[in-house]
Amino acid sequence: MLHRPAEGFLGGLWEYPGYTLKESSPEYFKEFCKKNKILIREEFSGSAKHTYSHFHQELRIYKAELNGEWQNSDWTESRFVDKNEKNKLARSKITMKISQIIHHQ
């Protein structure tokens, strides 16, 4: 799980590793994964959807491996957690929806 900085959107919450793509094309996604050394192992069926007051999110969920060090300063901490610990962390509704999808497939 990754911990967001206290300031800003969803500040202080924990979430799964992820990234917002600027384009939704398959070619862009493939190049993004290659550039960031991400190996997709599995795509979960369905997507996690959530609407905020000013935008809508629809997330595709993948099981993936990172072949290198993640180069992103969007989070303040990262760590592996088991299901019991994860359920005690402050998480957004979209992160909880992702958990439901992952644990029911």
PDB file of N, CA and C in Angstrom:
ATOM      1  N   MET A   1       0.856  -1.172   0.000  1.00  0.00           N
ATOM      2  CA  MET A   1       0.000   0.000   0.000  1.00  0.00           C
ATOM      3  C   MET A   1       0.903   1.238   0.000  1.00  0.00           C
ATOM      4  N   LEU A   2       0.368   2.312  -0.547  1.00  0.00           N
ATOM      5  CA  LEU A   2       1.088   3.583  -0.618  1.00  0.00           C
ATOM      6  C   LEU A   2       0.329   4.631   0.177  1.00  0.00           C
ATOM      7  N   HIS A   3       1.080   5.505   0.847  1.00  0.00           N
ATOM      8  CA  HIS A   3       0.492   6.537   1.695  1.00  0.00           C
ATOM      9  C   HIS A   3       0.610   7.894   1.008  1.00  0.00           C
ATOM     10  N   ARG A   4      -0.522   8.552   0.824  1.00  0.00           N
ATOM     11  CA  ARG A   4      -0.525   9.878   0.193  1.00  0.00           C
ATOM     12  C   ARG A   4      -0.043  10.932   1.192  1.00  0.00           C
ATOM     13  N   PRO A   5       0.560  12.007   0.682  1.00  0.00           N
ATOM     14  CA  PRO A   5       0.934  13.116   1.565  1.00  0.00           C
ATOM     15  C   PRO A   5      -0.305  13.661   2.281  1.00  0.00           C
ATOM     16  N   ALA A   6      -0.109  14.253   3.442  1.00  0.00           N
ATOM     17  CA  ALA A   6      -1.233  14.776   4.238  1.00  0.00           C
ATOM     18  C   ALA A   6      -1.978  15.893   3.513  1.00  0.00           C
ATOM     19  N   GLU A   7      -1.281  16.667   2.721  1.00  0.00           N
ATOM     20  CA  GLU A   7      -1.889  17.787   1.991  1.00  0.00           C
ATOM     21  C   GLU A   7      -2.361  17.328   0.618  1.00  0.00           C
ATOM     22  N   GLY A   8      -3.423  17.936   0.111  1.00  0.00           N
ATOM     23  CA  GLY A   8      -3.877  17.659  -1.243  1.00  0.00           C
ATOM     24  C   GLY A   8      -5.017  16.672  -1.317  1.00  0.00           C
ATOM     25  N   PHE A   9      -5.354  16.299  -2.556  1.00  0.00           N
ATOM     26  CA  PHE A   9      -6.480  15.415  -2.836  1.00  0.00           C
ATOM     27  C   PHE A   9      -6.291  14.067  -2.149  1.00  0.00           C
ATOM     28  N   LEU A  10      -7.289  13.612  -1.407  1.00  0.00           N
ATOM     29  CA  LEU A  10      -7.267  12.355  -0.646  1.00  0.00           C
ATOM     30  C   LEU A  10      -6.074  12.284   0.307  1.00  0.00           C
ATOM     31  N   GLY A  11      -5.701  13.421   0.846  1.00  0.00           N
ATOM     32  CA  GLY A  11      -4.536  13.538   1.714  1.00  0.00           C
ATOM     33  C   GLY A  11      -4.559  12.591   2.898  1.00  0.00           C
ATOM     34  N   GLY A  12      -3.427  11.932   3.129  1.00  0.00           N
ATOM     35  CA  GLY A  12      -3.251  11.049   4.266  1.00  0.00           C
ATOM     36  C   GLY A  12      -3.845   9.663   4.114  1.00  0.00           C
ATOM     37  N   LEU A  13      -4.477   9.370   2.976  1.00  0.00           N
ATOM     38  CA  LEU A  13      -5.085   8.057   2.790  1.00  0.00           C
ATOM     39  C   LEU A  13      -4.100   7.067   2.178  1.00  0.00           C
ATOM     40  N   TRP A  14      -4.390   5.795   2.361  1.00  0.00           N
ATOM     41  CA  TRP A  14      -3.591   4.708   1.796  1.00  0.00           C
ATOM     42  C   TRP A  14      -4.285   4.175   0.553  1.00  0.00           C
ATOM     43  N   GLU A  15      -3.504   3.741  -0.428  1.00  0.00           N
ATOM     44  CA  GLU A  15      -4.070   3.242  -1.673  1.00  0.00           C
ATOM     45  C   GLU A  15      -3.134   2.232  -2.321  1.00  0.00           C
ATOM     46  N   TYR A  16      -3.655   1.555  -3.319  1.00  0.00           N
ATOM     47  CA  TYR A  16      -2.834   0.631  -4.100  1.00  0.00           C
ATOM     48  C   TYR A  16      -1.953   1.429  -5.056  1.00  0.00           C
ATOM     49  N   PRO A  17      -0.821   0.861  -5.450  1.00  0.00           N
ATOM     50  CA  PRO A  17      -0.007   1.554  -6.460  1.00  0.00           C
ATOM     51  C   PRO A  17      -0.839   1.770  -7.716  1.00  0.00           C
ATOM     52  N   GLY A  18      -0.690   2.908  -8.304  1.00  0.00           N
ATOM     53  CA  GLY A  18      -1.443   3.203  -9.513  1.00  0.00           C
ATOM     54  C   GLY A  18      -0.922   4.454 -10.168  1.00  0.00           C
ATOM     55  N   TYR A  19      -1.478   4.727 -11.322  1.00  0.00           N
ATOM     56  CA  TYR A  19      -1.066   5.908 -12.049  1.00  0.00           C
ATOM     57  C   TYR A  19      -2.169   6.311 -12.999  1.00  0.00           C
ATOM     58  N   THR A  20      -2.364   7.593 -13.186  1.00  0.00           N
ATOM     59  CA  THR A  20      -3.351   8.095 -14.136  1.00  0.00           C
ATOM     60  C   THR A  20      -2.682   8.267 -15.482  1.00  0.00           C
ATOM     61  N   LEU A  21      -3.220   7.594 -16.472  1.00  0.00           N
ATOM     62  CA  LEU A  21      -2.686   7.719 -17.824  1.00  0.00           C
ATOM     63  C   LEU A  21      -3.305   8.931 -18.505  1.00  0.00           C
ATOM     64  N   LYS A  22      -2.504   9.623 -19.299  1.00  0.00           N
ATOM     65  CA  LYS A  22      -2.990  10.796 -20.006  1.00  0.00           C
ATOM     66  C   LYS A  22      -3.854  10.414 -21.198  1.00  0.00           C
ATOM     67  N   GLU A  23      -3.672   9.214 -21.706  1.00  0.00           N
ATOM     68  CA  GLU A  23      -4.459   8.720 -22.825  1.00  0.00           C
ATOM     69  C   GLU A  23      -4.947   7.317 -22.484  1.00  0.00           C
ATOM     70  N   SER A  24      -6.079   6.930 -23.036  1.00  0.00           N
ATOM     71  CA  SER A  24      -6.611   5.597 -22.734  1.00  0.00           C
ATOM     72  C   SER A  24      -6.364   4.596 -23.858  1.00  0.00           C
ATOM     73  N   SER A  25      -5.466   4.892 -24.760  1.00  0.00           N
ATOM     74  CA  SER A  25      -5.215   3.983 -25.878  1.00  0.00           C
ATOM     75  C   SER A  25      -4.344   2.802 -25.441  1.00  0.00           C
ATOM     76  N   PRO A  26      -4.571   1.628 -26.033  1.00  0.00           N
ATOM     77  CA  PRO A  26      -3.746   0.453 -25.712  1.00  0.00           C
ATOM     78  C   PRO A  26      -2.262   0.682 -26.007  1.00  0.00           C
ATOM     79  N   GLU A  27      -1.954   1.435 -27.050  1.00  0.00           N
ATOM     80  CA  GLU A  27      -0.561   1.703 -27.394  1.00  0.00           C
ATOM     81  C   GLU A  27       0.125   2.544 -26.318  1.00  0.00           C
ATOM     82  N   TYR A  28      -0.585   3.559 -25.824  1.00  0.00           N
ATOM     83  CA  TYR A  28      -0.025   4.407 -24.775  1.00  0.00           C
ATOM     84  C   TYR A  28       0.224   3.591 -23.510  1.00  0.00           C
ATOM     85  N   PHE A  29      -0.741   2.733 -23.152  1.00  0.00           N
ATOM     86  CA  PHE A  29      -0.607   1.891 -21.963  1.00  0.00           C
ATOM     87  C   PHE A  29       0.602   0.960 -22.098  1.00  0.00           C
ATOM     88  N   LYS A  30       0.750   0.343 -23.255  1.00  0.00           N
ATOM     89  CA  LYS A  30       1.873  -0.564 -23.497  1.00  0.00           C
ATOM     90  C   LYS A  30       3.209   0.170 -23.370  1.00  0.00           C
ATOM     91  N   GLU A  31       3.310   1.343 -23.954  1.00  0.00           N
ATOM     92  CA  GLU A  31       4.542   2.139 -23.863  1.00  0.00           C
ATOM     93  C   GLU A  31       4.795   2.617 -22.435  1.00  0.00           C
ATOM     94  N   PHE A  32       3.727   3.004 -21.723  1.00  0.00           N
ATOM     95  CA  PHE A  32       3.854   3.429 -20.334  1.00  0.00           C
ATOM     96  C   PHE A  32       4.441   2.297 -19.494  1.00  0.00           C
ATOM     97  N   CYS A  33       3.915   1.084 -19.665  1.00  0.00           N
ATOM     98  CA  CYS A  33       4.405  -0.073 -18.903  1.00  0.00           C
ATOM     99  C   CYS A  33       5.859  -0.372 -19.251  1.00  0.00           C
ATOM    100  N   LYS A  34       6.191  -0.314 -20.515  1.00  0.00           N
ATOM    101  CA  LYS A  34       7.563  -0.584 -20.944  1.00  0.00           C
ATOM    102  C   LYS A  34       8.530   0.451 -20.357  1.00  0.00           C
ATOM    103  N   LYS A  35       8.180   1.715 -20.454  1.00  0.00           N
ATOM    104  CA  LYS A  35       9.025   2.800 -19.951  1.00  0.00           C
ATOM    105  C   LYS A  35       9.247   2.700 -18.442  1.00  0.00           C
ATOM    106  N   ASN A  36       8.201   2.275 -17.710  1.00  0.00           N
ATOM    107  CA  ASN A  36       8.279   2.206 -16.248  1.00  0.00           C
ATOM    108  C   ASN A  36       8.598   0.809 -15.715  1.00  0.00           C
ATOM    109  N   LYS A  37       8.975  -0.096 -16.627  1.00  0.00           N
ATOM    110  CA  LYS A  37       9.383  -1.461 -16.263  1.00  0.00           C
ATOM    111  C   LYS A  37       8.290  -2.195 -15.484  1.00  0.00           C
ATOM    112  N   ILE A  38       7.056  -2.084 -15.971  1.00  0.00           N
ATOM    113  CA  ILE A  38       5.906  -2.734 -15.348  1.00  0.00           C
ATOM    114  C   ILE A  38       5.523  -3.941 -16.193  1.00  0.00           C
ATOM    115  N   LEU A  39       5.467  -5.108 -15.565  1.00  0.00           N
ATOM    116  CA  LEU A  39       5.066  -6.329 -16.252  1.00  0.00           C
ATOM    117  C   LEU A  39       3.661  -6.704 -15.795  1.00  0.00           C
ATOM    118  N   ILE A  40       2.699  -6.654 -16.702  1.00  0.00           N
ATOM    119  CA  ILE A  40       1.318  -7.000 -16.375  1.00  0.00           C
ATOM    120  C   ILE A  40       1.208  -8.518 -16.326  1.00  0.00           C
ATOM    121  N   ARG A  41       0.711  -9.039 -15.213  1.00  0.00           N
ATOM    122  CA  ARG A  41       0.536 -10.479 -15.034  1.00  0.00           C
ATOM    123  C   ARG A  41      -0.906 -10.919 -15.228  1.00  0.00           C
ATOM    124  N   GLU A  42      -1.847 -10.043 -14.887  1.00  0.00           N
ATOM    125  CA  GLU A  42      -3.265 -10.412 -14.962  1.00  0.00           C
ATOM    126  C   GLU A  42      -4.101  -9.139 -14.928  1.00  0.00           C
ATOM    127  N   GLU A  43      -5.195  -9.121 -15.698  1.00  0.00           N
ATOM    128  CA  GLU A  43      -6.164  -8.035 -15.585  1.00  0.00           C
ATOM    129  C   GLU A  43      -7.400  -8.597 -14.895  1.00  0.00           C
ATOM    130  N   PHE A  44      -7.853  -7.939 -13.850  1.00  0.00           N
ATOM    131  CA  PHE A  44      -9.058  -8.358 -13.142  1.00  0.00           C
ATOM    132  C   PHE A  44     -10.269  -7.963 -13.966  1.00  0.00           C
ATOM    133  N   SER A  45     -11.301  -8.792 -13.925  1.00  0.00           N
ATOM    134  CA  SER A  45     -12.515  -8.453 -14.668  1.00  0.00           C
ATOM    135  C   SER A  45     -13.254  -7.345 -13.933  1.00  0.00           C
ATOM    136  N   GLY A  46     -13.943  -6.533 -14.686  1.00  0.00           N
ATOM    137  CA  GLY A  46     -14.656  -5.411 -14.098  1.00  0.00           C
ATOM    138  C   GLY A  46     -13.730  -4.239 -13.850  1.00  0.00           C
ATOM    139  N   SER A  47     -14.280  -3.169 -13.365  1.00  0.00           N
ATOM    140  CA  SER A  47     -13.495  -1.985 -13.037  1.00  0.00           C
ATOM    141  C   SER A  47     -14.080  -1.351 -11.784  1.00  0.00           C
ATOM    142  N   ALA A  48     -13.276  -0.557 -11.119  1.00  0.00           N
ATOM    143  CA  ALA A  48     -13.742   0.172  -9.932  1.00  0.00           C
ATOM    144  C   ALA A  48     -14.182   1.557 -10.396  1.00  0.00           C
ATOM    145  N   LYS A  49     -15.398   1.942 -10.019  1.00  0.00           N
ATOM    146  CA  LYS A  49     -15.946   3.232 -10.446  1.00  0.00           C
ATOM    147  C   LYS A  49     -16.326   4.054  -9.226  1.00  0.00           C
ATOM    148  N   HIS A  50     -16.073   5.362  -9.322  1.00  0.00           N
ATOM    149  CA  HIS A  50     -16.459   6.260  -8.236  1.00  0.00           C
ATOM    150  C   HIS A  50     -16.616   7.667  -8.803  1.00  0.00           C
ATOM    151  N   THR A  51     -17.589   8.391  -8.288  1.00  0.00           N
ATOM    152  CA  THR A  51     -17.820   9.767  -8.718  1.00  0.00           C
ATOM    153  C   THR A  51     -17.565  10.709  -7.552  1.00  0.00           C
ATOM    154  N   TYR A  52     -16.713  11.677  -7.799  1.00  0.00           N
ATOM    155  CA  TYR A  52     -16.456  12.756  -6.844  1.00  0.00           C
ATOM    156  C   TYR A  52     -17.310  13.944  -7.274  1.00  0.00           C
ATOM    157  N   SER A  53     -17.281  15.013  -6.531  1.00  0.00           N
ATOM    158  CA  SER A  53     -18.125  16.165  -6.871  1.00  0.00           C
ATOM    159  C   SER A  53     -17.748  16.793  -8.210  1.00  0.00           C
ATOM    160  N   HIS A  54     -16.480  16.690  -8.607  1.00  0.00           N
ATOM    161  CA  HIS A  54     -16.030  17.381  -9.811  1.00  0.00           C
ATOM    162  C   HIS A  54     -15.465  16.477 -10.911  1.00  0.00           C
ATOM    163  N   PHE A  55     -15.461  15.163 -10.722  1.00  0.00           N
ATOM    164  CA  PHE A  55     -15.033  14.262 -11.786  1.00  0.00           C
ATOM    165  C   PHE A  55     -15.425  12.825 -11.475  1.00  0.00           C
ATOM    166  N   HIS A  56     -15.329  11.992 -12.501  1.00  0.00           N
ATOM    167  CA  HIS A  56     -15.686  10.579 -12.404  1.00  0.00           C
ATOM    168  C   HIS A  56     -14.424   9.749 -12.653  1.00  0.00           C
ATOM    169  N   GLN A  57     -14.249   8.678 -11.866  1.00  0.00           N
ATOM    170  CA  GLN A  57     -13.121   7.766 -12.036  1.00  0.00           C
ATOM    171  C   GLN A  57     -13.627   6.388 -12.416  1.00  0.00           C
ATOM    172  N   GLU A  58     -12.943   5.767 -13.360  1.00  0.00           N
ATOM    173  CA  GLU A  58     -13.173   4.366 -13.674  1.00  0.00           C
ATOM    174  C   GLU A  58     -11.800   3.736 -13.823  1.00  0.00           C
ATOM    175  N   LEU A  59     -11.487   2.806 -12.925  1.00  0.00           N
ATOM    176  CA  LEU A  59     -10.153   2.230 -12.866  1.00  0.00           C
ATOM    177  C   LEU A  59     -10.139   0.789 -13.329  1.00  0.00           C
ATOM    178  N   ARG A  60      -9.209   0.473 -14.208  1.00  0.00           N
ATOM    179  CA  ARG A  60      -8.944  -0.909 -14.582  1.00  0.00           C
ATOM    180  C   ARG A  60      -7.906  -1.426 -13.600  1.00  0.00           C
ATOM    181  N   ILE A  61      -8.030  -2.691 -13.209  1.00  0.00           N
ATOM    182  CA  ILE A  61      -7.195  -3.232 -12.144  1.00  0.00           C
ATOM    183  C   ILE A  61      -6.347  -4.373 -12.687  1.00  0.00           C
ATOM    184  N   TYR A  62      -5.058  -4.317 -12.386  1.00  0.00           N
ATOM    185  CA  TYR A  62      -4.113  -5.306 -12.878  1.00  0.00           C
ATOM    186  C   TYR A  62      -3.276  -5.859 -11.739  1.00  0.00           C
ATOM    187  N   LYS A  63      -2.879  -7.100 -11.874  1.00  0.00           N
ATOM    188  CA  LYS A  63      -1.825  -7.660 -11.036  1.00  0.00           C
ATOM    189  C   LYS A  63      -0.560  -7.487 -11.869  1.00  0.00           C
ATOM    190  N   ALA A  64       0.448  -6.858 -11.291  1.00  0.00           N
ATOM    191  CA  ALA A  64       1.639  -6.535 -12.062  1.00  0.00           C
ATOM    192  C   ALA A  64       2.887  -6.666 -11.208  1.00  0.00           C
ATOM    193  N   GLU A  65       4.015  -6.703 -11.879  1.00  0.00           N
ATOM    194  CA  GLU A  65       5.319  -6.702 -11.214  1.00  0.00           C
ATOM    195  C   GLU A  65       6.098  -5.496 -11.697  1.00  0.00           C
ATOM    196  N   LEU A  66       6.897  -4.957 -10.813  1.00  0.00           N
ATOM    197  CA  LEU A  66       7.755  -3.835 -11.146  1.00  0.00           C
ATOM    198  C   LEU A  66       9.176  -4.360 -11.250  1.00  0.00           C
ATOM    199  N   ASN A  67       9.789  -4.207 -12.405  1.00  0.00           N
ATOM    200  CA  ASN A  67      11.163  -4.667 -12.631  1.00  0.00           C
ATOM    201  C   ASN A  67      12.128  -3.507 -12.476  1.00  0.00           C
ATOM    202  N   GLY A  68      12.230  -2.995 -11.299  1.00  0.00           N
ATOM    203  CA  GLY A  68      13.097  -1.860 -11.032  1.00  0.00           C
ATOM    204  C   GLY A  68      12.532  -1.081  -9.862  1.00  0.00           C
ATOM    205  N   GLU A  69      13.072   0.098  -9.647  1.00  0.00           N
ATOM    206  CA  GLU A  69      12.623   0.935  -8.535  1.00  0.00           C
ATOM    207  C   GLU A  69      11.565   1.911  -9.026  1.00  0.00           C
ATOM    208  N   TRP A  70      10.458   2.027  -8.279  1.00  0.00           N
ATOM    209  CA  TRP A  70       9.400   2.952  -8.647  1.00  0.00           C
ATOM    210  C   TRP A  70       9.904   4.371  -8.443  1.00  0.00           C
ATOM    211  N   GLN A  71       9.862   5.172  -9.487  1.00  0.00           N
ATOM    212  CA  GLN A  71      10.358   6.552  -9.451  1.00  0.00           C
ATOM    213  C   GLN A  71       9.187   7.514  -9.398  1.00  0.00           C
ATOM    214  N   ASN A  72       8.586   7.668  -8.224  1.00  0.00           N
ATOM    215  CA  ASN A  72       7.436   8.538  -8.115  1.00  0.00           C
ATOM    216  C   ASN A  72       7.403   9.160  -6.725  1.00  0.00           C
ATOM    217  N   SER A  73       7.252  10.464  -6.674  1.00  0.00           N
ATOM    218  CA  SER A  73       7.240  11.161  -5.385  1.00  0.00           C
ATOM    219  C   SER A  73       5.825  11.513  -4.931  1.00  0.00           C
ATOM    220  N   ASP A  74       4.807  10.873  -5.522  1.00  0.00           N
ATOM    221  CA  ASP A  74       3.421  11.168  -5.157  1.00  0.00           C
ATOM    222  C   ASP A  74       3.024  10.584  -3.803  1.00  0.00           C
ATOM    223  N   TRP A  75       3.825   9.688  -3.249  1.00  0.00           N
ATOM    224  CA  TRP A  75       3.491   9.029  -1.991  1.00  0.00           C
ATOM    225  C   TRP A  75       4.611   9.222  -0.977  1.00  0.00           C
ATOM    226  N   THR A  76       4.265   9.219   0.309  1.00  0.00           N
ATOM    227  CA  THR A  76       5.251   9.453   1.361  1.00  0.00           C
ATOM    228  C   THR A  76       5.803   8.167   1.953  1.00  0.00           C
ATOM    229  N   GLU A  77       5.094   7.052   1.759  1.00  0.00           N
ATOM    230  CA  GLU A  77       5.505   5.777   2.350  1.00  0.00           C
ATOM    231  C   GLU A  77       4.885   4.646   1.542  1.00  0.00           C
ATOM    232  N   SER A  78       5.584   3.517   1.510  1.00  0.00           N
ATOM    233  CA  SER A  78       5.024   2.325   0.880  1.00  0.00           C
ATOM    234  C   SER A  78       5.387   1.125   1.731  1.00  0.00           C
ATOM    235  N   ARG A  79       4.470   0.146   1.772  1.00  0.00           N
ATOM    236  CA  ARG A  79       4.773  -1.080   2.514  1.00  0.00           C
ATOM    237  C   ARG A  79       3.759  -2.168   2.161  1.00  0.00           C
ATOM    238  N   PHE A  80       4.194  -3.404   2.352  1.00  0.00           N
ATOM    239  CA  PHE A  80       3.306  -4.545   2.191  1.00  0.00           C
ATOM    240  C   PHE A  80       2.480  -4.682   3.460  1.00  0.00           C
ATOM    241  N   VAL A  81       1.197  -4.938   3.314  1.00  0.00           N
ATOM    242  CA  VAL A  81       0.320  -5.121   4.467  1.00  0.00           C
ATOM    243  C   VAL A  81      -0.558  -6.344   4.239  1.00  0.00           C
ATOM    244  N   ASP A  82      -0.917  -7.033   5.331  1.00  0.00           N
ATOM    245  CA  ASP A  82      -1.850  -8.149   5.189  1.00  0.00           C
ATOM    246  C   ASP A  82      -3.278  -7.597   5.250  1.00  0.00           C
ATOM    247  N   LYS A  83      -4.238  -8.449   5.013  1.00  0.00           N
ATOM    248  CA  LYS A  83      -5.640  -8.023   4.922  1.00  0.00           C
ATOM    249  C   LYS A  83      -6.111  -7.349   6.213  1.00  0.00           C
ATOM    250  N   ASN A  84      -5.735  -7.887   7.376  1.00  0.00           N
ATOM    251  CA  ASN A  84      -6.171  -7.303   8.648  1.00  0.00           C
ATOM    252  C   ASN A  84      -5.618  -5.896   8.840  1.00  0.00           C
ATOM    253  N   GLU A  85      -4.333  -5.722   8.543  1.00  0.00           N
ATOM    254  CA  GLU A  85      -3.736  -4.386   8.694  1.00  0.00           C
ATOM    255  C   GLU A  85      -4.330  -3.414   7.679  1.00  0.00           C
ATOM    256  N   LYS A  86      -4.522  -3.890   6.442  1.00  0.00           N
ATOM    257  CA  LYS A  86      -5.072  -3.030   5.392  1.00  0.00           C
ATOM    258  C   LYS A  86      -6.437  -2.488   5.803  1.00  0.00           C
ATOM    259  N   ASN A  87      -7.255  -3.328   6.409  1.00  0.00           N
ATOM    260  CA  ASN A  87      -8.596  -2.901   6.803  1.00  0.00           C
ATOM    261  C   ASN A  87      -8.587  -1.853   7.916  1.00  0.00           C
ATOM    262  N   LYS A  88      -7.466  -1.691   8.600  1.00  0.00           N
ATOM    263  CA  LYS A  88      -7.348  -0.683   9.661  1.00  0.00           C
ATOM    264  C   LYS A  88      -6.810   0.646   9.143  1.00  0.00           C
ATOM    265  N   LEU A  89      -6.296   0.663   7.911  1.00  0.00           N
ATOM    266  CA  LEU A  89      -5.733   1.884   7.347  1.00  0.00           C
ATOM    267  C   LEU A  89      -6.834   2.789   6.808  1.00  0.00           C
ATOM    268  N   ALA A  90      -6.609   4.088   6.868  1.00  0.00           N
ATOM    269  CA  ALA A  90      -7.549   5.050   6.281  1.00  0.00           C
ATOM    270  C   ALA A  90      -7.425   4.963   4.762  1.00  0.00           C
ATOM    271  N   ARG A  91      -8.549   4.598   4.104  1.00  0.00           N
ATOM    272  CA  ARG A  91      -8.551   4.416   2.651  1.00  0.00           C
ATOM    273  C   ARG A  91      -9.749   5.125   2.037  1.00  0.00           C
ATOM    274  N   SER A  92      -9.621   5.467   0.772  1.00  0.00           N
ATOM    275  CA  SER A  92     -10.732   6.089   0.064  1.00  0.00           C
ATOM    276  C   SER A  92     -11.741   5.019  -0.343  1.00  0.00           C
ATOM    277  N   LYS A  93     -12.931   5.455  -0.734  1.00  0.00           N
ATOM    278  CA  LYS A  93     -13.962   4.512  -1.188  1.00  0.00           C
ATOM    279  C   LYS A  93     -13.503   3.757  -2.432  1.00  0.00           C
ATOM    280  N   ILE A  94     -12.801   4.425  -3.341  1.00  0.00           N
ATOM    281  CA  ILE A  94     -12.348   3.741  -4.557  1.00  0.00           C
ATOM    282  C   ILE A  94     -11.331   2.658  -4.204  1.00  0.00           C
ATOM    283  N   THR A  95     -10.481   2.891  -3.226  1.00  0.00           N
ATOM    284  CA  THR A  95      -9.518   1.875  -2.797  1.00  0.00           C
ATOM    285  C   THR A  95     -10.246   0.687  -2.175  1.00  0.00           C
ATOM    286  N   MET A  96     -11.296   0.947  -1.418  1.00  0.00           N
ATOM    287  CA  MET A  96     -12.081  -0.151  -0.839  1.00  0.00           C
ATOM    288  C   MET A  96     -12.795  -0.948  -1.936  1.00  0.00           C
ATOM    289  N   LYS A  97     -13.267  -0.268  -2.976  1.00  0.00           N
ATOM    290  CA  LYS A  97     -13.898  -0.959  -4.100  1.00  0.00           C
ATOM    291  C   LYS A  97     -12.892  -1.857  -4.821  1.00  0.00           C
ATOM    292  N   ILE A  98     -11.672  -1.374  -4.964  1.00  0.00           N
ATOM    293  CA  ILE A  98     -10.618  -2.180  -5.584  1.00  0.00           C
ATOM    294  C   ILE A  98     -10.360  -3.427  -4.745  1.00  0.00           C
ATOM    295  N   SER A  99     -10.286  -3.269  -3.435  1.00  0.00           N
ATOM    296  CA  SER A  99     -10.084  -4.412  -2.533  1.00  0.00           C
ATOM    297  C   SER A  99     -11.165  -5.465  -2.733  1.00  0.00           C
ATOM    298  N   GLN A 100     -12.403  -5.036  -2.854  1.00  0.00           N
ATOM    299  CA  GLN A 100     -13.510  -5.982  -3.057  1.00  0.00           C
ATOM    300  C   GLN A 100     -13.322  -6.758  -4.359  1.00  0.00           C
ATOM    301  N   ILE A 101     -12.930  -6.077  -5.405  1.00  0.00           N
ATOM    302  CA  ILE A 101     -12.725  -6.743  -6.699  1.00  0.00           C
ATOM    303  C   ILE A 101     -11.588  -7.747  -6.618  1.00  0.00           C
ATOM    304  N   ILE A 102     -10.481  -7.358  -6.009  1.00  0.00           N
ATOM    305  CA  ILE A 102      -9.308  -8.229  -5.910  1.00  0.00           C
ATOM    306  C   ILE A 102      -9.603  -9.471  -5.075  1.00  0.00           C
ATOM    307  N   HIS A 103     -10.301  -9.290  -3.974  1.00  0.00           N
ATOM    308  CA  HIS A 103     -10.510 -10.401  -3.053  1.00  0.00           C
ATOM    309  C   HIS A 103     -11.696 -11.295  -3.404  1.00  0.00           C
ATOM    310  N   HIS A 104     -12.453 -10.927  -4.439  1.00  0.00           N
ATOM    311  CA  HIS A 104     -13.591 -11.757  -4.855  1.00  0.00           C
ATOM    312  C   HIS A 104     -13.369 -12.427  -6.203  1.00  0.00           C
ATOM    313  N   GLN A 105     -12.138 -12.444  -6.660  1.00  0.00           N
ATOM    314  CA  GLN A 105     -11.838 -13.116  -7.935  1.00  0.00           C
ATOM    315  C   GLN A 105     -10.767 -14.156  -7.754  1.00  0.00           C
TER     316      GLN A 105
END
